Amino acid sequence: MVTKIIKIGNSKGLRLSKTILDRYDIGDTVNMRMEENCIIIEPVSKPRSDWAKSFKEMRKNCHDTLLIEDIFEEESNWE
């Protein structure tokens, strides 16, 4: 794809179409790295974005039991 470099203040930049932004799930920030003769732009990963789904699946399969005893079991007796 050929695209024009545009002037942004004293800098220059690229304009990405909504189609590209949606297809690659690009939000307000990106990771950019330079390799030999190319610039790679990647969406910022969201490492915990699917946790809610995973927790629901764990609950459904009864895999959400505590692995470590609750250390505050007797907190009602603290005074």
PDB file of N, CA and C in Angstrom:
ATOM      1  N   MET A   1       0.843  -1.171   0.000  1.00  0.00           N
ATOM      2  CA  MET A   1       0.000   0.000   0.000  1.00  0.00           C
ATOM      3  C   MET A   1       0.888   1.234   0.000  1.00  0.00           C
ATOM      4  N   VAL A   2       0.614   2.148  -0.858  1.00  0.00           N
ATOM      5  CA  VAL A   2       1.346   3.414  -0.922  1.00  0.00           C
ATOM      6  C   VAL A   2       0.497   4.466  -0.220  1.00  0.00           C
ATOM      7  N   THR A   3       1.110   5.239   0.666  1.00  0.00           N
ATOM      8  CA  THR A   3       0.402   6.302   1.374  1.00  0.00           C
ATOM      9  C   THR A   3       1.299   7.525   1.479  1.00  0.00           C
ATOM     10  N   LYS A   4       0.707   8.695   1.598  1.00  0.00           N
ATOM     11  CA  LYS A   4       1.469   9.939   1.680  1.00  0.00           C
ATOM     12  C   LYS A   4       1.885  10.228   3.114  1.00  0.00           C
ATOM     13  N   ILE A   5       3.034  10.867   3.243  1.00  0.00           N
ATOM     14  CA  ILE A   5       3.492  11.393   4.516  1.00  0.00           C
ATOM     15  C   ILE A   5       2.866  12.786   4.640  1.00  0.00           C
ATOM     16  N   ILE A   6       2.232  13.075   5.785  1.00  0.00           N
ATOM     17  CA  ILE A   6       1.571  14.365   5.956  1.00  0.00           C
ATOM     18  C   ILE A   6       2.309  15.212   6.990  1.00  0.00           C
ATOM     19  N   LYS A   7       2.182  16.526   6.883  1.00  0.00           N
ATOM     20  CA  LYS A   7       2.806  17.443   7.820  1.00  0.00           C
ATOM     21  C   LYS A   7       1.903  17.582   9.048  1.00  0.00           C
ATOM     22  N   ILE A   8       2.504  17.432  10.234  1.00  0.00           N
ATOM     23  CA  ILE A   8       1.796  17.595  11.499  1.00  0.00           C
ATOM     24  C   ILE A   8       2.641  18.539  12.353  1.00  0.00           C
ATOM     25  N   GLY A   9       2.318  19.824  12.337  1.00  0.00           N
ATOM     26  CA  GLY A   9       3.139  20.808  13.045  1.00  0.00           C
ATOM     27  C   GLY A   9       4.532  20.836  12.437  1.00  0.00           C
ATOM     28  N   ASN A  10       5.550  20.680  13.271  1.00  0.00           N
ATOM     29  CA  ASN A  10       6.929  20.636  12.785  1.00  0.00           C
ATOM     30  C   ASN A  10       7.368  19.222  12.432  1.00  0.00           C
ATOM     31  N   SER A  11       6.471  18.259  12.589  1.00  0.00           N
ATOM     32  CA  SER A  11       6.791  16.861  12.319  1.00  0.00           C
ATOM     33  C   SER A  11       6.055  16.382  11.083  1.00  0.00           C
ATOM     34  N   LYS A  12       6.218  15.120  10.786  1.00  0.00           N
ATOM     35  CA  LYS A  12       5.484  14.472   9.699  1.00  0.00           C
ATOM     36  C   LYS A  12       4.930  13.164  10.227  1.00  0.00           C
ATOM     37  N   GLY A  13       3.863  12.666   9.598  1.00  0.00           N
ATOM     38  CA  GLY A  13       3.262  11.439  10.082  1.00  0.00           C
ATOM     39  C   GLY A  13       2.511  10.702   9.002  1.00  0.00           C
ATOM     40  N   LEU A  14       1.965   9.571   9.377  1.00  0.00           N
ATOM     41  CA  LEU A  14       1.147   8.742   8.495  1.00  0.00           C
ATOM     42  C   LEU A  14      -0.288   8.787   8.982  1.00  0.00           C
ATOM     43  N   ARG A  15      -1.214   8.752   8.079  1.00  0.00           N
ATOM     44  CA  ARG A  15      -2.625   8.668   8.433  1.00  0.00           C
ATOM     45  C   ARG A  15      -3.065   7.244   8.138  1.00  0.00           C
ATOM     46  N   LEU A  16      -3.631   6.578   9.146  1.00  0.00           N
ATOM     47  CA  LEU A  16      -4.113   5.211   8.974  1.00  0.00           C
ATOM     48  C   LEU A  16      -5.629   5.242   8.835  1.00  0.00           C
ATOM     49  N   SER A  17      -6.148   4.500   7.891  1.00  0.00           N
ATOM     50  CA  SER A  17      -7.591   4.477   7.658  1.00  0.00           C
ATOM     51  C   SER A  17      -8.311   3.742   8.789  1.00  0.00           C
ATOM     52  N   LYS A  18      -9.585   4.030   8.955  1.00  0.00           N
ATOM     53  CA  LYS A  18     -10.412   3.359   9.958  1.00  0.00           C
ATOM     54  C   LYS A  18     -10.417   1.854   9.720  1.00  0.00           C
ATOM     55  N   THR A  19     -10.403   1.448   8.463  1.00  0.00           N
ATOM     56  CA  THR A  19     -10.384   0.020   8.121  1.00  0.00           C
ATOM     57  C   THR A  19      -9.160  -0.666   8.723  1.00  0.00           C
ATOM     58  N   ILE A  20      -8.000  -0.039   8.578  1.00  0.00           N
ATOM     59  CA  ILE A  20      -6.758  -0.611   9.121  1.00  0.00           C
ATOM     60  C   ILE A  20      -6.806  -0.608  10.649  1.00  0.00           C
ATOM     61  N   LEU A  21      -7.258   0.508  11.233  1.00  0.00           N
ATOM     62  CA  LEU A  21      -7.333   0.596  12.697  1.00  0.00           C
ATOM     63  C   LEU A  21      -8.242  -0.482  13.270  1.00  0.00           C
ATOM     64  N   ASP A  22      -9.387  -0.685  12.633  1.00  0.00           N
ATOM     65  CA  ASP A  22     -10.334  -1.709  13.108  1.00  0.00           C
ATOM     66  C   ASP A  22      -9.802  -3.114  12.889  1.00  0.00           C
ATOM     67  N   ARG A  23      -9.237  -3.355  11.721  1.00  0.00           N
ATOM     68  CA  ARG A  23      -8.759  -4.707  11.394  1.00  0.00           C
ATOM     69  C   ARG A  23      -7.680  -5.191  12.355  1.00  0.00           C
ATOM     70  N   TYR A  24      -6.785  -4.275  12.752  1.00  0.00           N
ATOM     71  CA  TYR A  24      -5.673  -4.659  13.622  1.00  0.00           C
ATOM     72  C   TYR A  24      -5.874  -4.224  15.067  1.00  0.00           C
ATOM     73  N   ASP A  25      -7.088  -3.782  15.407  1.00  0.00           N
ATOM     74  CA  ASP A  25      -7.444  -3.393  16.773  1.00  0.00           C
ATOM     75  C   ASP A  25      -6.444  -2.384  17.340  1.00  0.00           C
ATOM     76  N   ILE A  26      -6.196  -1.325  16.581  1.00  0.00           N
ATOM     77  CA  ILE A  26      -5.259  -0.286  16.982  1.00  0.00           C
ATOM     78  C   ILE A  26      -6.036   0.818  17.688  1.00  0.00           C
ATOM     79  N   GLY A  27      -5.633   1.121  18.920  1.00  0.00           N
ATOM     80  CA  GLY A  27      -6.269   2.173  19.704  1.00  0.00           C
ATOM     81  C   GLY A  27      -5.471   3.458  19.624  1.00  0.00           C
ATOM     82  N   ASP A  28      -5.260   4.097  20.794  1.00  0.00           N
ATOM     83  CA  ASP A  28      -4.567   5.387  20.844  1.00  0.00           C
ATOM     84  C   ASP A  28      -3.052   5.263  20.835  1.00  0.00           C
ATOM     85  N   THR A  29      -2.519   4.084  21.134  1.00  0.00           N
ATOM     86  CA  THR A  29      -1.066   3.908  21.147  1.00  0.00           C
ATOM     87  C   THR A  29      -0.679   2.656  20.365  1.00  0.00           C
ATOM     88  N   VAL A  30       0.543   2.666  19.862  1.00  0.00           N
ATOM     89  CA  VAL A  30       1.076   1.520  19.124  1.00  0.00           C
ATOM     90  C   VAL A  30       2.503   1.261  19.575  1.00  0.00           C
ATOM     91  N   ASN A  31       2.972   0.053  19.331  1.00  0.00           N
ATOM     92  CA  ASN A  31       4.391  -0.265  19.487  1.00  0.00           C
ATOM     93  C   ASN A  31       5.019  -0.071  18.117  1.00  0.00           C
ATOM     94  N   MET A  32       6.147   0.603  18.085  1.00  0.00           N
ATOM     95  CA  MET A  32       6.836   0.816  16.819  1.00  0.00           C
ATOM     96  C   MET A  32       8.290   0.380  16.999  1.00  0.00           C
ATOM     97  N   ARG A  33       8.760  -0.426  16.069  1.00  0.00           N
ATOM     98  CA  ARG A  33      10.166  -0.839  16.124  1.00  0.00           C
ATOM     99  C   ARG A  33      10.766  -0.756  14.729  1.00  0.00           C
ATOM    100  N   MET A  34      12.040  -0.526  14.726  1.00  0.00           N
ATOM    101  CA  MET A  34      12.746  -0.412  13.464  1.00  0.00           C
ATOM    102  C   MET A  34      13.641  -1.617  13.261  1.00  0.00           C
ATOM    103  N   GLU A  35      13.505  -2.235  12.128  1.00  0.00           N
ATOM    104  CA  GLU A  35      14.368  -3.340  11.747  1.00  0.00           C
ATOM    105  C   GLU A  35      15.045  -2.953  10.443  1.00  0.00           C
ATOM    106  N   GLU A  36      15.892  -3.797   9.972  1.00  0.00           N
ATOM    107  CA  GLU A  36      16.659  -3.479   8.763  1.00  0.00           C
ATOM    108  C   GLU A  36      15.728  -3.073   7.611  1.00  0.00           C
ATOM    109  N   ASN A  37      15.812  -1.818   7.219  1.00  0.00           N
ATOM    110  CA  ASN A  37      15.069  -1.256   6.082  1.00  0.00           C
ATOM    111  C   ASN A  37      13.551  -1.269   6.248  1.00  0.00           C
ATOM    112  N   CYS A  38      13.034  -1.335   7.476  1.00  0.00           N
ATOM    113  CA  CYS A  38      11.587  -1.259   7.626  1.00  0.00           C
ATOM    114  C   CYS A  38      11.211  -0.759   9.023  1.00  0.00           C
ATOM    115  N   ILE A  39      10.019  -0.213   9.121  1.00  0.00           N
ATOM    116  CA  ILE A  39       9.432   0.225  10.383  1.00  0.00           C
ATOM    117  C   ILE A  39       8.200  -0.638  10.600  1.00  0.00           C
ATOM    118  N   ILE A  40       8.099  -1.251  11.766  1.00  0.00           N
ATOM    119  CA  ILE A  40       6.973  -2.134  12.069  1.00  0.00           C
ATOM    120  C   ILE A  40       6.103  -1.462  13.132  1.00  0.00           C
ATOM    121  N   ILE A  41       4.818  -1.313  12.830  1.00  0.00           N
ATOM    122  CA  ILE A  41       3.849  -0.714  13.742  1.00  0.00           C
ATOM    123  C   ILE A  41       2.891  -1.812  14.166  1.00  0.00           C
ATOM    124  N   GLU A  42       2.768  -2.016  15.489  1.00  0.00           N
ATOM    125  CA  GLU A  42       1.897  -3.071  16.017  1.00  0.00           C
ATOM    126  C   GLU A  42       0.964  -2.493  17.073  1.00  0.00           C
ATOM    127  N   PRO A  43      -0.242  -3.042  17.192  1.00  0.00           N
ATOM    128  CA  PRO A  43      -1.128  -2.590  18.265  1.00  0.00           C
ATOM    129  C   PRO A  43      -0.525  -2.949  19.614  1.00  0.00           C
ATOM    130  N   VAL A  44      -0.803  -2.127  20.619  1.00  0.00           N
ATOM    131  CA  VAL A  44      -0.342  -2.421  21.970  1.00  0.00           C
ATOM    132  C   VAL A  44      -1.173  -3.582  22.491  1.00  0.00           C
ATOM    133  N   SER A  45      -0.495  -4.604  22.971  1.00  0.00           N
ATOM    134  CA  SER A  45      -1.233  -5.768  23.462  1.00  0.00           C
ATOM    135  C   SER A  45      -1.920  -5.425  24.776  1.00  0.00           C
ATOM    136  N   LYS A  46      -3.023  -6.085  25.024  1.00  0.00           N
ATOM    137  CA  LYS A  46      -3.789  -5.908  26.258  1.00  0.00           C
ATOM    138  C   LYS A  46      -3.748  -7.240  26.988  1.00  0.00           C
ATOM    139  N   PRO A  47      -2.708  -7.471  27.790  1.00  0.00           N
ATOM    140  CA  PRO A  47      -2.482  -8.796  28.350  1.00  0.00           C
ATOM    141  C   PRO A  47      -3.598  -9.350  29.224  1.00  0.00           C
ATOM    142  N   ARG A  48      -4.424  -8.511  29.815  1.00  0.00           N
ATOM    143  CA  ARG A  48      -5.472  -9.008  30.705  1.00  0.00           C
ATOM    144  C   ARG A  48      -6.864  -8.857  30.104  1.00  0.00           C
ATOM    145  N   SER A  49      -6.944  -8.570  28.827  1.00  0.00           N
ATOM    146  CA  SER A  49      -8.245  -8.275  28.223  1.00  0.00           C
ATOM    147  C   SER A  49      -9.210  -9.456  28.232  1.00  0.00           C
ATOM    148  N   ASP A  50      -8.712 -10.670  28.243  1.00  0.00           N
ATOM    149  CA  ASP A  50      -9.612 -11.832  28.206  1.00  0.00           C
ATOM    150  C   ASP A  50      -9.760 -12.527  29.566  1.00  0.00           C
ATOM    151  N   TRP A  51      -9.307 -11.892  30.633  1.00  0.00           N
ATOM    152  CA  TRP A  51      -9.384 -12.503  31.956  1.00  0.00           C
ATOM    153  C   TRP A  51     -10.821 -12.735  32.382  1.00  0.00           C
ATOM    154  N   ALA A  52     -11.714 -11.792  32.151  1.00  0.00           N
ATOM    155  CA  ALA A  52     -13.106 -11.955  32.592  1.00  0.00           C
ATOM    156  C   ALA A  52     -13.721 -13.193  31.952  1.00  0.00           C
ATOM    157  N   LYS A  53     -13.454 -13.381  30.674  1.00  0.00           N
ATOM    158  CA  LYS A  53     -13.962 -14.563  29.973  1.00  0.00           C
ATOM    159  C   LYS A  53     -13.372 -15.839  30.584  1.00  0.00           C
ATOM    160  N   SER A  54     -12.086 -15.822  30.864  1.00  0.00           N
ATOM    161  CA  SER A  54     -11.425 -16.991  31.462  1.00  0.00           C
ATOM    162  C   SER A  54     -11.974 -17.295  32.847  1.00  0.00           C
ATOM    163  N   PHE A  55     -12.219 -16.252  33.643  1.00  0.00           N
ATOM    164  CA  PHE A  55     -12.772 -16.461  34.980  1.00  0.00           C
ATOM    165  C   PHE A  55     -14.163 -17.084  34.911  1.00  0.00           C
ATOM    166  N   LYS A  56     -14.986 -16.629  33.982  1.00  0.00           N
ATOM    167  CA  LYS A  56     -16.324 -17.205  33.823  1.00  0.00           C
ATOM    168  C   LYS A  56     -16.242 -18.676  33.442  1.00  0.00           C
ATOM    169  N   GLU A  57     -15.308 -18.999  32.553  1.00  0.00           N
ATOM    170  CA  GLU A  57     -15.116 -20.387  32.128  1.00  0.00           C
ATOM    171  C   GLU A  57     -14.630 -21.239  33.300  1.00  0.00           C
ATOM    172  N   MET A  58     -13.709 -20.699  34.104  1.00  0.00           N
ATOM    173  CA  MET A  58     -13.222 -21.424  35.278  1.00  0.00           C
ATOM    174  C   MET A  58     -14.368 -21.706  36.245  1.00  0.00           C
ATOM    175  N   ARG A  59     -15.218 -20.696  36.477  1.00  0.00           N
ATOM    176  CA  ARG A  59     -16.343 -20.866  37.396  1.00  0.00           C
ATOM    177  C   ARG A  59     -17.300 -21.933  36.878  1.00  0.00           C
ATOM    178  N   LYS A  60     -17.553 -21.878  35.586  1.00  0.00           N
ATOM    179  CA  LYS A  60     -18.460 -22.845  34.957  1.00  0.00           C
ATOM    180  C   LYS A  60     -17.955 -24.276  35.140  1.00  0.00           C
ATOM    181  N   ASN A  61     -16.639 -24.471  35.093  1.00  0.00           N
ATOM    182  CA  ASN A  61     -16.032 -25.798  35.208  1.00  0.00           C
ATOM    183  C   ASN A  61     -15.591 -26.134  36.636  1.00  0.00           C
ATOM    184  N   CYS A  62     -16.009 -25.301  37.602  1.00  0.00           N
ATOM    185  CA  CYS A  62     -15.645 -25.497  39.016  1.00  0.00           C
ATOM    186  C   CYS A  62     -14.130 -25.536  39.236  1.00  0.00           C
ATOM    187  N   HIS A  63     -13.405 -24.728  38.499  1.00  0.00           N
ATOM    188  CA  HIS A  63     -11.947 -24.644  38.635  1.00  0.00           C
ATOM    189  C   HIS A  63     -11.531 -23.360  39.351  1.00  0.00           C
ATOM    190  N   ASP A  64     -12.435 -22.790  40.136  1.00  0.00           N
ATOM    191  CA  ASP A  64     -12.134 -21.520  40.786  1.00  0.00           C
ATOM    192  C   ASP A  64     -11.992 -21.657  42.305  1.00  0.00           C
ATOM    193  N   THR A  65     -11.482 -22.789  42.756  1.00  0.00           N
ATOM    194  CA  THR A  65     -11.272 -22.986  44.188  1.00  0.00           C
ATOM    195  C   THR A  65      -9.951 -22.343  44.610  1.00  0.00           C
ATOM    196  N   LEU A  66      -9.860 -21.976  45.896  1.00  0.00           N
ATOM    197  CA  LEU A  66      -8.639 -21.372  46.414  1.00  0.00           C
ATOM    198  C   LEU A  66      -7.501 -22.390  46.434  1.00  0.00           C
ATOM    199  N   LEU A  67      -6.324 -21.965  46.045  1.00  0.00           N
ATOM    200  CA  LEU A  67      -5.145 -22.826  46.100  1.00  0.00           C
ATOM    201  C   LEU A  67      -4.400 -22.640  47.416  1.00  0.00           C
ATOM    202  N   ILE A  68      -4.605 -21.490  48.040  1.00  0.00           N
ATOM    203  CA  ILE A  68      -3.966 -21.175  49.312  1.00  0.00           C
ATOM    204  C   ILE A  68      -5.074 -20.836  50.299  1.00  0.00           C
ATOM    205  N   GLU A  69      -4.952 -21.335  51.519  1.00  0.00           N
ATOM    206  CA  GLU A  69      -5.961 -21.055  52.535  1.00  0.00           C
ATOM    207  C   GLU A  69      -6.094 -19.559  52.752  1.00  0.00           C
ATOM    208  N   ASP A  70      -7.296 -19.109  53.027  1.00  0.00           N
ATOM    209  CA  ASP A  70      -7.562 -17.713  53.317  1.00  0.00           C
ATOM    210  C   ASP A  70      -6.941 -17.371  54.666  1.00  0.00           C
ATOM    211  N   ILE A  71      -5.978 -16.464  54.676  1.00  0.00           N
ATOM    212  CA  ILE A  71      -5.265 -16.158  55.924  1.00  0.00           C
ATOM    213  C   ILE A  71      -6.073 -15.258  56.845  1.00  0.00           C
ATOM    214  N   PHE A  72      -7.199 -14.743  56.373  1.00  0.00           N
ATOM    215  CA  PHE A  72      -8.003 -13.839  57.182  1.00  0.00           C
ATOM    216  C   PHE A  72      -9.295 -14.493  57.662  1.00  0.00           C
ATOM    217  N   GLU A  73      -9.299 -15.803  57.793  1.00  0.00           N
ATOM    218  CA  GLU A  73     -10.504 -16.513  58.212  1.00  0.00           C
ATOM    219  C   GLU A  73     -11.031 -16.027  59.562  1.00  0.00           C
ATOM    220  N   GLU A  74     -10.145 -15.711  60.484  1.00  0.00           N
ATOM    221  CA  GLU A  74     -10.563 -15.368  61.832  1.00  0.00           C
ATOM    222  C   GLU A  74     -10.553 -13.875  62.095  1.00  0.00           C
ATOM    223  N   GLU A  75     -10.651 -13.074  61.083  1.00  0.00           N
ATOM    224  CA  GLU A  75     -10.551 -11.628  61.279  1.00  0.00           C
ATOM    225  C   GLU A  75     -11.696 -11.069  62.122  1.00  0.00           C
ATOM    226  N   SER A  76     -12.827 -11.779  62.174  1.00  0.00           N
ATOM    227  CA  SER A  76     -13.951 -11.299  62.994  1.00  0.00           C
ATOM    228  C   SER A  76     -13.597 -11.368  64.492  1.00  0.00           C
ATOM    229  N   ASN A  77     -12.594 -12.172  64.857  1.00  0.00           N
ATOM    230  CA  ASN A  77     -12.194 -12.298  66.247  1.00  0.00           C
ATOM    231  C   ASN A  77     -11.126 -11.264  66.645  1.00  0.00           C
ATOM    232  N   TRP A  78     -10.662 -10.479  65.690  1.00  0.00           N
ATOM    233  CA  TRP A  78      -9.624  -9.492  65.973  1.00  0.00           C
ATOM    234  C   TRP A  78     -10.253  -8.288  66.676  1.00  0.00           C
ATOM    235  N   GLU A  79      -9.743  -7.938  67.816  1.00  0.00           N
ATOM    236  CA  GLU A  79     -10.192  -6.713  68.477  1.00  0.00           C
ATOM    237  C   GLU A  79      -9.219  -6.335  69.532  1.00  0.00           C
TER     238      GLU A  79
END
